[in-house]
Amino acid sequence: MFWLKVLFFFRLTRTFGPMIKIIVEMIKEMLVFCVIWLALLLFLNCVATLLFGDLPEYSDFFGALILLFETALG
């Protein structure tokens, strides 16, 4: 809890206030990106499972999701 108090007090300063505000906004934007990215991964997983269900990599939903996740990360 001490770190939260320190961050709260840093928000009030002229030097660290804008930087903490930028960090908070970046976290919000990254959460929006992650939600959209996960929805896209689930959609592509459903399509890949339907199209390539004969291949052993896409035989089950969870295995295909892991494969697409690893592919998306490079």
Protein backbone atom coordinates (compact mmCIF):
# COMPACT_ATOMS: atom_id res chain seq x y z
CA MET A 1 0.00 0.00 0.00
CA PHE A 2 2.95 2.31 0.56
CA TRP A 3 3.79 2.33 -3.17
CA LEU A 4 0.26 3.36 -4.04
CA LYS A 5 0.56 6.31 -1.66
CA VAL A 6 3.88 7.28 -3.21
CA LEU A 7 2.38 7.10 -6.72
CA PHE A 8 -0.55 9.20 -5.55
CA PHE A 9 1.78 11.87 -4.20
CA PHE A 10 3.91 11.73 -7.35
CA ARG A 11 0.79 12.46 -9.40
CA LEU A 12 0.47 15.77 -7.59
CA THR A 13 3.97 16.97 -8.46
CA ARG A 14 4.71 19.01 -11.55
CA THR A 15 7.57 16.75 -12.66
CA PHE A 16 6.11 13.28 -12.24
CA GLY A 17 2.40 14.07 -12.63
CA PRO A 18 2.31 14.16 -16.45
CA MET A 19 4.54 11.09 -16.69
CA ILE A 20 2.29 9.02 -14.42
CA LYS A 21 -0.76 10.22 -16.37
CA ILE A 22 0.90 9.06 -19.62
CA ILE A 23 1.69 5.67 -18.08
CA VAL A 24 -1.91 5.22 -16.91
CA GLU A 25 -3.23 6.13 -20.37
CA MET A 26 -0.79 3.69 -22.00
CA ILE A 27 -2.00 0.89 -19.73
CA LYS A 28 -5.61 1.63 -20.69
CA GLU A 29 -4.74 1.58 -24.41
CA MET A 30 -2.79 -1.67 -24.03
CA LEU A 31 -5.78 -3.30 -22.31
CA VAL A 32 -8.02 -2.27 -25.21
CA PHE A 33 -5.48 -3.70 -27.65
CA CYS A 34 -5.25 -6.98 -25.72
CA VAL A 35 -9.04 -7.40 -25.69
CA ILE A 36 -9.25 -6.83 -29.45
CA TRP A 37 -6.24 -9.10 -30.07
CA LEU A 38 -7.69 -11.93 -27.97
CA ALA A 39 -11.05 -11.63 -29.75
CA LEU A 40 -9.26 -11.83 -33.08
CA LEU A 41 -7.27 -14.87 -31.92
CA LEU A 42 -10.47 -16.63 -30.83
CA PHE A 43 -12.16 -15.82 -34.14
CA LEU A 44 -9.20 -17.06 -36.16
CA ASN A 45 -9.00 -20.14 -33.96
CA CYS A 46 -12.60 -21.03 -34.74
CA VAL A 47 -12.05 -20.54 -38.47
CA ALA A 48 -8.78 -22.52 -38.46
CA THR A 49 -10.35 -25.38 -36.50
CA LEU A 50 -13.21 -25.58 -39.00
CA LEU A 51 -11.00 -25.35 -42.08
CA PHE A 52 -7.98 -27.37 -40.99
CA GLY A 53 -9.59 -29.80 -38.57
CA ASP A 54 -8.00 -32.77 -40.36
CA LEU A 55 -4.49 -31.66 -39.41
CA PRO A 56 -3.27 -32.85 -36.00
CA GLU A 57 -2.28 -29.32 -34.91
CA TYR A 58 -5.85 -28.09 -35.34
CA SER A 59 -7.68 -31.18 -34.11
CA ASP A 60 -8.74 -29.62 -30.80
CA PHE A 61 -9.69 -26.06 -29.90
CA PHE A 62 -7.12 -25.48 -27.14
CA GLY A 63 -4.19 -26.86 -29.15
CA ALA A 64 -5.07 -24.63 -32.09
CA LEU A 65 -5.37 -21.62 -29.80
CA ILE A 66 -1.88 -22.25 -28.40
CA LEU A 67 -0.50 -22.67 -31.93
CA LEU A 68 -2.06 -19.40 -33.12
CA PHE A 69 -0.87 -17.59 -29.99
CA GLU A 70 2.70 -18.78 -30.53
CA THR A 71 2.46 -17.82 -34.20
CA ALA A 72 1.21 -14.33 -33.32
CA LEU A 73 4.13 -13.82 -30.95
CA GLY A 74 6.58 -14.87 -33.63
